[in-house]
Amino acid sequence: MYTRRYRRARRRREQRAFLQRILVGVSVICILIVCAAVTLKTKKETQRVEARSALMQASAVMQKAQMVQEPNKEAGSKQQEKQIEESQKAERSGDETEEVIIIDPGHGGMDGGCVFDDILEKDINRMIAAQVVVKLRKLGYQAELAREGDEYIDKMERVESANAKNALLYVSIHQNSCEDQSVEGIETWYDGSDQTRDSGRLAQLIQQATVQETGAKGRELVSEEELCVISKSRMPSCLIETGFLSNRKERGKLATKEYREQIADGIVKGIVLYLTSDGDFCEEGTERI
């Protein structure tokens, strides 16, 4: 009887060990399946982002080509084309004495910023910034992007480059987000601790002009000393949050070329007003909500 008990106990142990091996095997298979699915999804997302970036690069090239062609059609001569070519050549030469306006499309490369419904902040920033540069150049101003294409450039490196060029102005373009998805509107940030750079007046004029052009809600002006691009730059600078990607309605507008162009028109109008007028900065609306 003792032998039978021993055998039954041994069979039970063997059965438990067999079941444990089966569970371990099933767990390993499940993990492999999950890893494969994640890898496939990541690959597809990477391909989607690369395709979107390629389309935007093509769009930027078309805009630059159109910028060269349109003055020729309007003027009926090659004089303006020559001026544009000379301007671009001067930019490429890196002449640090030029008073260039730096337009900074926030984020870039591995830093996508906020993302909602496959809409990446870095892409919206870049498309708006490209339009701002084109419009400023058409008005005769020297303007360039802080980053070309979709490469990642550290914030401090962007500011140091602008400082080295003795830039006239520095305007950084971003999109906002909030846990409360009903929040919407435009707000502009500046370093209020340095009154010598007159950044407050630049921020106010860009904020007011962009709200006027778009009809968006004007939220506030925010004085902030910790943001690198507005506190480390030597020239007047500001950072404009042109909308909330977390807000479905505003996100839909930002996804359209027409609305982005309205934003670009507002930013350009604010810059031109800053450079051509002596309006005083008003402290109203500098409290953060």
Protein backbone atom coordinates (compact mmCIF):
# COMPACT_ATOMS: atom_id res chain seq x y z
CA MET A 1 0.00 0.00 0.00
CA TYR A 2 2.85 2.35 0.78
CA THR A 3 4.30 1.66 -2.67
CA ARG A 4 0.98 2.50 -4.38
CA ARG A 5 0.74 5.78 -2.44
CA TYR A 6 4.29 6.65 -3.41
CA ARG A 7 3.57 5.95 -7.06
CA ARG A 8 0.39 8.02 -7.04
CA ALA A 9 2.21 10.91 -5.40
CA ARG A 10 5.02 10.66 -7.94
CA ARG A 11 2.51 10.68 -10.85
CA ARG A 12 0.85 13.78 -9.43
CA ARG A 13 4.22 15.51 -9.18
CA GLU A 14 5.04 14.53 -12.74
CA GLN A 15 1.65 15.78 -13.95
CA ARG A 16 2.14 19.12 -12.19
CA ALA A 17 5.61 19.45 -13.64
CA PHE A 18 4.23 18.65 -17.11
CA LEU A 19 1.47 21.24 -16.75
CA GLN A 20 4.01 23.82 -15.58
CA ARG A 21 6.14 23.16 -18.65
CA ILE A 22 3.07 23.58 -20.86
CA LEU A 23 2.19 26.89 -19.17
CA VAL A 24 5.73 28.15 -19.56
CA GLY A 25 5.73 27.20 -23.22
CA VAL A 26 2.39 28.89 -23.85
CA SER A 27 3.61 32.03 -22.05
CA VAL A 28 6.74 32.18 -24.19
CA ILE A 29 4.68 31.80 -27.36
CA CYS A 30 2.30 34.59 -26.26
CA ILE A 31 5.23 36.89 -25.51
CA LEU A 32 6.74 36.21 -28.93
CA ILE A 33 3.40 36.94 -30.62
CA VAL A 34 3.02 40.24 -28.73
CA CYS A 35 6.60 41.28 -29.57
CA ALA A 36 6.04 40.51 -33.25
CA ALA A 37 2.81 42.52 -33.28
CA VAL A 38 4.48 45.51 -31.58
CA THR A 39 7.39 45.36 -34.01
CA LEU A 40 5.04 45.26 -37.00
CA LYS A 41 2.98 48.16 -35.67
CA THR A 42 6.12 50.22 -34.98
CA LYS A 43 7.42 49.52 -38.48
CA LYS A 44 4.13 50.60 -40.05
CA GLU A 45 4.03 53.78 -37.93
CA THR A 46 7.61 54.59 -38.90
CA GLN A 47 6.79 54.13 -42.57
CA ARG A 48 3.71 56.35 -42.19
CA VAL A 49 5.74 59.13 -40.54
CA GLU A 50 8.48 58.86 -43.16
CA ALA A 51 5.91 59.08 -45.94
CA ARG A 52 4.29 62.12 -44.33
CA SER A 53 7.68 63.80 -43.93
CA ALA A 54 8.54 63.10 -47.57
CA LEU A 55 5.27 64.71 -48.67
CA MET A 56 5.96 67.79 -46.57
CA GLN A 57 9.48 68.09 -47.97
CA ALA A 58 8.06 67.93 -51.47
CA SER A 59 5.52 70.60 -50.54
CA ALA A 60 8.27 72.85 -49.18
CA VAL A 61 10.23 72.47 -52.40
CA MET A 62 7.14 73.41 -54.44
CA GLN A 63 6.58 76.47 -52.26
CA LYS A 64 10.15 77.63 -52.79
CA ALA A 65 9.82 77.09 -56.53
CA GLN A 66 6.57 79.05 -56.57
CA MET A 67 8.23 81.83 -54.57
CA VAL A 68 10.78 82.26 -57.36
CA GLN A 69 8.28 82.00 -60.20
CA GLU A 70 5.56 84.36 -58.95
CA PRO A 71 7.69 87.54 -58.86
CA ASN A 72 8.67 86.86 -62.46
CA LYS A 73 5.06 86.62 -63.54
CA GLU A 74 4.08 89.80 -61.72
CA ALA A 75 7.03 91.96 -62.72
CA GLY A 76 7.61 90.54 -66.18
CA SER A 77 11.37 90.74 -65.74
CA LYS A 78 14.31 88.81 -64.34
CA GLN A 79 15.37 91.51 -61.91
CA GLN A 80 13.41 90.15 -58.93
CA GLU A 81 14.54 86.60 -59.62
CA LYS A 82 18.13 87.82 -59.51
CA GLN A 83 17.51 89.54 -56.19
CA ILE A 84 16.04 86.35 -54.71
CA GLU A 85 18.99 84.29 -55.91
CA GLU A 86 21.42 86.79 -54.42
CA SER A 87 19.52 86.69 -51.14
CA GLN A 88 19.61 82.89 -51.00
CA LYS A 89 23.31 82.89 -51.88
CA ALA A 90 24.01 85.32 -49.04
CA GLU A 91 22.11 83.08 -46.61
CA ARG A 92 24.12 80.04 -47.65
CA SER A 93 27.37 81.92 -47.20
CA GLY A 94 26.56 82.33 -43.48
CA ASP A 95 27.18 86.06 -43.37
CA GLU A 96 26.87 86.87 -39.66
CA THR A 97 26.37 90.59 -40.27
CA GLU A 98 22.96 90.13 -41.93
CA GLU A 99 19.93 91.04 -39.88
CA VAL A 100 18.07 87.80 -40.37
CA ILE A 101 14.75 86.82 -38.80
CA ILE A 102 14.90 83.28 -37.41
CA ILE A 103 11.67 81.27 -37.51
CA ASP A 104 11.94 78.17 -35.35
CA PRO A 105 9.61 75.20 -36.07
CA GLY A 106 9.50 73.61 -32.61
CA HIS A 107 10.60 70.00 -32.07
CA GLY A 108 11.69 67.83 -35.04
CA GLY A 109 13.16 64.42 -35.79
CA MET A 110 12.83 62.02 -32.86
CA ASP A 111 11.07 64.78 -30.88
CA GLY A 112 7.57 64.88 -32.32
CA GLY A 113 5.99 67.10 -29.68
CA CYS A 114 2.35 66.37 -28.84
CA VAL A 115 0.45 63.87 -31.02
CA PHE A 116 -3.30 63.47 -31.52
CA ASP A 117 -5.05 61.40 -34.23
CA ASP A 118 -1.71 60.76 -35.99
CA ILE A 119 -1.19 64.55 -36.27
CA LEU A 120 2.31 65.41 -35.03
CA GLU A 121 3.07 68.82 -33.58
CA LYS A 122 6.48 68.97 -35.27
CA ASP A 123 4.82 68.67 -38.72
CA ILE A 124 2.28 71.44 -38.09
CA ASN A 125 5.03 73.67 -36.70
CA ARG A 126 7.19 73.13 -39.75
CA MET A 127 4.46 73.80 -42.29
CA ILE A 128 3.44 77.07 -40.60
CA ALA A 129 7.07 78.16 -40.21
CA ALA A 130 7.80 77.50 -43.90
CA GLN A 131 4.89 79.75 -44.91
CA VAL A 132 6.08 82.49 -42.55
CA VAL A 133 9.57 82.44 -44.10
CA VAL A 134 8.17 82.57 -47.65
CA LYS A 135 5.88 85.50 -46.81
CA LEU A 136 8.65 87.45 -45.05
CA ARG A 137 10.99 86.99 -47.99
CA LYS A 138 8.33 88.23 -50.38
CA LEU A 139 8.16 91.40 -48.29
CA GLY A 140 11.91 91.84 -48.65
CA TYR A 141 13.04 90.58 -45.23
CA GLN A 142 15.89 88.13 -44.66
CA ALA A 143 14.33 85.08 -43.00
CA GLU A 144 15.34 81.48 -42.46
CA LEU A 145 14.27 78.37 -40.57
CA ALA A 146 16.03 77.22 -37.41
CA ARG A 147 15.79 73.65 -38.73
CA GLU A 148 15.51 72.40 -42.30
CA GLY A 149 13.72 69.15 -43.06
CA ASP A 150 12.80 66.86 -40.19
CA GLU A 151 16.13 66.61 -38.41
CA TYR A 152 16.44 66.98 -34.65
CA ILE A 153 18.39 70.02 -33.47
CA ASP A 154 18.86 70.72 -29.77
CA LYS A 155 17.09 73.87 -28.52
CA MET A 156 20.31 75.39 -27.21
CA GLU A 157 22.05 74.75 -30.52
CA ARG A 158 19.28 76.62 -32.35
CA VAL A 159 19.59 79.61 -30.04
CA GLU A 160 23.39 79.67 -30.21
CA SER A 161 23.19 79.63 -34.01
CA ALA A 162 20.80 82.61 -33.98
CA ASN A 163 23.04 84.47 -31.52
CA ALA A 164 26.10 83.81 -33.71
CA LYS A 165 24.27 85.28 -36.71
CA ASN A 166 23.31 88.36 -34.69
CA ALA A 167 19.71 87.67 -35.72
CA LEU A 168 17.18 90.49 -35.73
CA LEU A 169 14.30 88.48 -34.20
CA TYR A 170 13.63 84.91 -33.04
CA VAL A 171 10.10 83.47 -33.24
CA SER A 172 9.44 79.88 -32.19
CA ILE A 173 6.25 78.14 -33.38
CA HIS A 174 4.56 75.42 -31.33
CA GLN A 175 1.24 73.66 -30.73
CA ASN A 176 -0.39 73.27 -27.33
CA SER A 177 -2.20 70.46 -25.52
CA CYS A 178 -4.26 70.10 -22.36
CA GLU A 179 -5.94 67.30 -20.41
CA ASP A 180 -9.14 69.34 -20.64
CA GLN A 181 -9.89 68.85 -24.34
CA SER A 182 -12.30 71.79 -24.42
CA VAL A 183 -9.44 74.27 -23.97
CA GLU A 184 -8.59 76.17 -27.17
CA GLY A 185 -6.96 79.33 -28.44
CA ILE A 186 -3.65 81.06 -29.06
CA GLU A 187 -1.15 82.11 -26.43
CA THR A 188 2.32 83.64 -26.73
CA TRP A 189 5.26 83.34 -24.34
CA TYR A 190 8.17 85.73 -23.79
CA ASP A 191 10.89 86.44 -21.22
CA GLY A 192 9.58 89.38 -19.23
CA SER A 193 12.63 89.49 -16.94
CA ASP A 194 14.76 91.13 -19.67
CA GLN A 195 13.19 94.46 -20.61
CA THR A 196 16.15 95.48 -22.82
CA ARG A 197 15.17 93.06 -25.61
CA ASP A 198 11.60 94.35 -25.93
CA SER A 199 10.32 90.78 -26.29
CA GLY A 200 7.04 91.66 -24.61
CA ARG A 201 6.00 94.04 -27.38
CA LEU A 202 6.95 91.47 -30.04
CA ALA A 203 4.87 88.81 -28.28
CA GLN A 204 1.88 91.13 -27.90
CA LEU A 205 1.85 92.22 -31.54
CA ILE A 206 2.21 88.66 -32.86
CA GLN A 207 -0.50 87.44 -30.49
CA GLN A 208 -2.95 90.20 -31.45
CA ALA A 209 -2.30 89.95 -35.20
CA THR A 210 -2.62 86.15 -35.27
CA VAL A 211 -5.87 86.19 -33.28
CA GLN A 212 -7.20 88.86 -35.64
CA GLU A 213 -6.25 86.90 -38.79
CA THR A 214 -7.61 83.55 -37.61
CA GLY A 215 -10.59 84.55 -35.47
CA ALA A 216 -9.27 82.14 -32.83
CA LYS A 217 -9.66 82.70 -29.10
CA GLY A 218 -6.91 84.92 -27.74
CA ARG A 219 -5.89 83.27 -24.49
CA GLU A 220 -3.02 85.17 -22.94
CA LEU A 221 0.51 86.49 -22.96
CA VAL A 222 2.76 84.55 -20.59
CA SER A 223 5.99 85.85 -19.06
CA GLU A 224 8.32 82.89 -18.55
CA GLU A 225 12.03 82.93 -17.71
CA GLU A 226 12.74 79.19 -17.97
CA LEU A 227 12.12 78.46 -21.67
CA CYS A 228 15.47 78.14 -23.43
CA VAL A 229 14.56 79.61 -26.82
CA ILE A 230 13.19 82.84 -25.35
CA SER A 231 15.50 83.27 -22.36
CA LYS A 232 18.87 82.42 -23.92
CA SER A 233 18.45 84.38 -27.15
CA ARG A 234 20.10 87.80 -27.29
CA MET A 235 17.56 89.31 -29.68
CA PRO A 236 13.83 90.03 -29.12
CA SER A 237 12.10 86.65 -29.10
CA CYS A 238 8.84 84.91 -28.36
CA LEU A 239 7.19 81.50 -28.58
CA ILE A 240 3.67 81.28 -30.01
CA GLU A 241 1.38 78.32 -29.27
CA THR A 242 -0.90 78.60 -32.30
CA GLY A 243 -3.56 76.15 -31.12
CA PHE A 244 -4.45 73.09 -29.03
CA LEU A 245 -4.03 69.76 -30.82
CA SER A 246 -5.91 68.23 -27.89
CA ASN A 247 -9.04 70.16 -28.95
CA ARG A 248 -10.80 68.25 -31.76
CA LYS A 249 -12.22 71.35 -33.47
CA GLU A 250 -8.95 73.28 -33.37
CA ARG A 251 -7.00 70.21 -34.43
CA GLY A 252 -9.21 69.92 -37.49
CA LYS A 253 -8.48 73.54 -38.43
CA LEU A 254 -4.73 73.15 -37.93
CA ALA A 255 -4.77 70.19 -40.30
CA THR A 256 -5.92 72.44 -43.17
CA LYS A 257 -3.58 74.47 -45.36
CA GLU A 258 -5.97 77.46 -45.35
CA TYR A 259 -5.97 77.84 -41.56
CA ARG A 260 -2.21 77.38 -41.31
CA GLU A 261 -1.81 80.15 -43.88
CA GLN A 262 -4.01 82.45 -41.78
CA ILE A 263 -1.75 81.75 -38.81
CA ALA A 264 1.32 82.49 -40.93
CA ASP A 265 -0.26 85.76 -42.11
CA GLY A 266 -0.87 86.78 -38.51
CA ILE A 267 2.68 85.99 -37.39
CA VAL A 268 4.13 87.91 -40.34
CA LYS A 269 1.82 90.86 -39.69
CA GLY A 270 2.91 90.97 -36.04
CA ILE A 271 6.59 90.86 -37.01
CA VAL A 272 6.17 93.67 -39.54
CA LEU A 273 4.25 95.79 -37.02
CA TYR A 274 7.04 95.27 -34.49
CA LEU A 275 9.71 96.34 -36.98
CA THR A 276 7.82 99.32 -38.38
CA SER A 277 5.94 100.76 -35.39
CA ASP A 278 6.76 102.02 -31.91
CA GLY A 279 3.68 100.72 -30.11
CA ASP A 280 4.15 100.24 -26.37
CA PHE A 281 3.72 96.85 -24.72
CA CYS A 282 0.69 96.51 -22.44
CA GLU A 283 0.98 94.29 -19.37
CA GLU A 284 -2.63 93.16 -19.67
CA GLY A 285 -3.14 89.40 -19.89
CA THR A 286 0.27 88.27 -18.65
CA GLU A 287 -1.09 85.96 -15.98
CA ARG A 288 -1.08 82.25 -16.72
CA ILE A 289 -4.51 80.57 -16.67
